[in-house]
């Protein structure tokens, strides 16, 4: 049971980011991040998500939160990994 507390903390933080931050903040990137930086940040997030997905004793609430987080972070990567979409998204945030 002790190992569950830190995981819940990680999931709670990821859920907070997914619900309240823009895509750059979700991936902890500067708004002028390069495609390589986006990919590196994404790979780090994927590793975190895989670790969370492997848990056997997840509650239904945690599983739903993980699904929501995964969708938002997937969307963030899809937008930010494309230079044209990333620029358009950044300009929309700045307007």
C-alpha atoms as a PDB file:
ATOM      1  CA  UNK A   1       0.000   0.000   0.000  1.00  0.00           C
ATOM      2  CA  UNK A   2       2.922   2.385   0.614  1.00  0.00           C
ATOM      3  CA  UNK A   3       3.945   2.279  -3.057  1.00  0.00           C
ATOM      4  CA  UNK A   4       0.478   3.433  -4.103  1.00  0.00           C
ATOM      5  CA  UNK A   5       0.800   6.892  -2.503  1.00  0.00           C
ATOM      6  CA  UNK A   6       3.625   8.248  -4.723  1.00  0.00           C
ATOM      7  CA  UNK A   7       1.920   6.893  -7.851  1.00  0.00           C
ATOM      8  CA  UNK A   8      -1.309   8.627  -6.919  1.00  0.00           C
ATOM      9  CA  UNK A   9       0.737  11.786  -6.470  1.00  0.00           C
ATOM     10  CA  UNK A  10       2.209  11.485  -9.967  1.00  0.00           C
ATOM     11  CA  UNK A  11      -1.195  10.779 -11.473  1.00  0.00           C
ATOM     12  CA  UNK A  12      -2.771  13.657  -9.552  1.00  0.00           C
ATOM     13  CA  UNK A  13      -0.106  16.061 -10.841  1.00  0.00           C
ATOM     14  CA  UNK A  14      -0.513  14.847 -14.423  1.00  0.00           C
ATOM     15  CA  UNK A  15      -4.293  15.227 -14.142  1.00  0.00           C
ATOM     16  CA  UNK A  16      -3.878  18.760 -12.784  1.00  0.00           C
ATOM     17  CA  UNK A  17      -1.651  19.649 -15.743  1.00  0.00           C
ATOM     18  CA  UNK A  18      -4.041  18.043 -18.223  1.00  0.00           C
ATOM     19  CA  UNK A  19      -7.013  19.979 -16.875  1.00  0.00           C
ATOM     20  CA  UNK A  20      -5.511  23.394 -16.248  1.00  0.00           C
ATOM     21  CA  UNK A  21      -2.508  23.956 -18.499  1.00  0.00           C
ATOM     22  CA  UNK A  22      -1.807  24.524 -22.156  1.00  0.00           C
ATOM     23  CA  UNK A  23      -0.021  21.854 -24.192  1.00  0.00           C
ATOM     24  CA  UNK A  24       3.401  23.428 -23.670  1.00  0.00           C
ATOM     25  CA  UNK A  25       2.889  23.406 -19.910  1.00  0.00           C
ATOM     26  CA  UNK A  26       1.578  19.831 -19.991  1.00  0.00           C
ATOM     27  CA  UNK A  27       4.821  18.655 -21.548  1.00  0.00           C
ATOM     28  CA  UNK A  28       6.838  21.136 -19.441  1.00  0.00           C
ATOM     29  CA  UNK A  29       8.174  22.899 -22.524  1.00  0.00           C
ATOM     30  CA  UNK A  30       9.048  26.476 -23.362  1.00  0.00           C
ATOM     31  CA  UNK A  31       6.864  27.985 -26.054  1.00  0.00           C
ATOM     32  CA  UNK A  32       9.865  28.138 -28.386  1.00  0.00           C
ATOM     33  CA  UNK A  33      10.634  24.420 -27.970  1.00  0.00           C
ATOM     34  CA  UNK A  34      12.050  22.565 -30.947  1.00  0.00           C
ATOM     35  CA  UNK A  35      10.621  19.405 -32.471  1.00  0.00           C
ATOM     36  CA  UNK A  36      13.430  17.437 -30.803  1.00  0.00           C
ATOM     37  CA  UNK A  37      12.560  18.906 -27.407  1.00  0.00           C
ATOM     38  CA  UNK A  38       8.894  18.042 -27.951  1.00  0.00           C
ATOM     39  CA  UNK A  39       9.810  14.455 -28.806  1.00  0.00           C
ATOM     40  CA  UNK A  40      12.117  14.133 -25.783  1.00  0.00           C
ATOM     41  CA  UNK A  41       9.429  15.509 -23.462  1.00  0.00           C
ATOM     42  CA  UNK A  42       6.872  13.161 -25.000  1.00  0.00           C
ATOM     43  CA  UNK A  43       9.122  10.124 -24.494  1.00  0.00           C
ATOM     44  CA  UNK A  44       9.488  11.062 -20.824  1.00  0.00           C
ATOM     45  CA  UNK A  45       5.697  11.331 -20.455  1.00  0.00           C
ATOM     46  CA  UNK A  46       5.162   8.024 -22.256  1.00  0.00           C
ATOM     47  CA  UNK A  47       7.484   6.331 -19.756  1.00  0.00           C
ATOM     48  CA  UNK A  48       5.486   7.822 -16.862  1.00  0.00           C
ATOM     49  CA  UNK A  49       2.192   6.726 -18.426  1.00  0.00           C
ATOM     50  CA  UNK A  50       3.472   3.192 -19.063  1.00  0.00           C
ATOM     51  CA  UNK A  51       4.543   2.912 -15.426  1.00  0.00           C
ATOM     52  CA  UNK A  52       1.097   4.025 -14.290  1.00  0.00           C
ATOM     53  CA  UNK A  53      -0.678   1.693 -16.739  1.00  0.00           C
ATOM     54  CA  UNK A  54       1.220  -1.292 -15.347  1.00  0.00           C
ATOM     55  CA  UNK A  55      -0.290  -0.928 -11.880  1.00  0.00           C
ATOM     56  CA  UNK A  56      -2.540  -3.799 -10.917  1.00  0.00           C
ATOM     57  CA  UNK A  57      -4.333  -2.196  -7.962  1.00  0.00           C
ATOM     58  CA  UNK A  58      -5.645   0.954  -9.626  1.00  0.00           C
ATOM     59  CA  UNK A  59      -9.041   2.183  -8.532  1.00  0.00           C
ATOM     60  CA  UNK A  60     -11.731   2.908 -11.117  1.00  0.00           C
ATOM     61  CA  UNK A  61     -11.265   6.630 -10.443  1.00  0.00           C
ATOM     62  CA  UNK A  62      -7.521   6.362 -11.077  1.00  0.00           C
ATOM     63  CA  UNK A  63      -8.103   4.385 -14.282  1.00  0.00           C
ATOM     64  CA  UNK A  64     -10.484   7.072 -15.566  1.00  0.00           C
ATOM     65  CA  UNK A  65      -8.010   9.798 -14.622  1.00  0.00           C
ATOM     66  CA  UNK A  66      -5.239   7.942 -16.448  1.00  0.00           C
ATOM     67  CA  UNK A  67      -7.414   7.661 -19.551  1.00  0.00           C
ATOM     68  CA  UNK A  68      -8.123  11.414 -19.472  1.00  0.00           C
ATOM     69  CA  UNK A  69      -4.460  12.268 -18.927  1.00  0.00           C
ATOM     70  CA  UNK A  70      -3.352   9.973 -21.738  1.00  0.00           C
ATOM     71  CA  UNK A  71      -5.784  11.589 -24.190  1.00  0.00           C
ATOM     72  CA  UNK A  72      -4.715  15.138 -23.341  1.00  0.00           C
ATOM     73  CA  UNK A  73      -1.012  14.317 -23.514  1.00  0.00           C
ATOM     74  CA  UNK A  74      -1.531  12.479 -26.836  1.00  0.00           C
ATOM     75  CA  UNK A  75      -3.309  15.555 -28.183  1.00  0.00           C
ATOM     76  CA  UNK A  76      -0.481  17.776 -26.920  1.00  0.00           C
ATOM     77  CA  UNK A  77       2.112  15.666 -28.704  1.00  0.00           C
ATOM     78  CA  UNK A  78       0.092  15.555 -31.917  1.00  0.00           C
ATOM     79  CA  UNK A  79      -0.140  19.349 -32.044  1.00  0.00           C
ATOM     80  CA  UNK A  80       3.323  20.234 -30.775  1.00  0.00           C
ATOM     81  CA  UNK A  81       5.245  17.654 -32.800  1.00  0.00           C
ATOM     82  CA  UNK A  82       4.130  19.277 -36.063  1.00  0.00           C
ATOM     83  CA  UNK A  83       6.069  22.548 -36.565  1.00  0.00           C
ATOM     84  CA  UNK A  84       3.204  24.258 -38.412  1.00  0.00           C
ATOM     85  CA  UNK A  85       0.575  23.226 -35.862  1.00  0.00           C
ATOM     86  CA  UNK A  86       2.943  24.152 -33.014  1.00  0.00           C
ATOM     87  CA  UNK A  87       3.409  27.649 -34.446  1.00  0.00           C
ATOM     88  CA  UNK A  88      -0.325  28.128 -35.013  1.00  0.00           C
ATOM     89  CA  UNK A  89      -1.076  26.895 -31.486  1.00  0.00           C
ATOM     90  CA  UNK A  90       1.558  29.188 -29.967  1.00  0.00           C
ATOM     91  CA  UNK A  91       0.221  32.182 -31.899  1.00  0.00           C
ATOM     92  CA  UNK A  92      -3.326  31.381 -30.764  1.00  0.00           C
ATOM     93  CA  UNK A  93      -2.161  31.311 -27.144  1.00  0.00           C
ATOM     94  CA  UNK A  94      -0.433  34.661 -27.551  1.00  0.00           C
ATOM     95  CA  UNK A  95      -3.427  36.426 -29.112  1.00  0.00           C
END
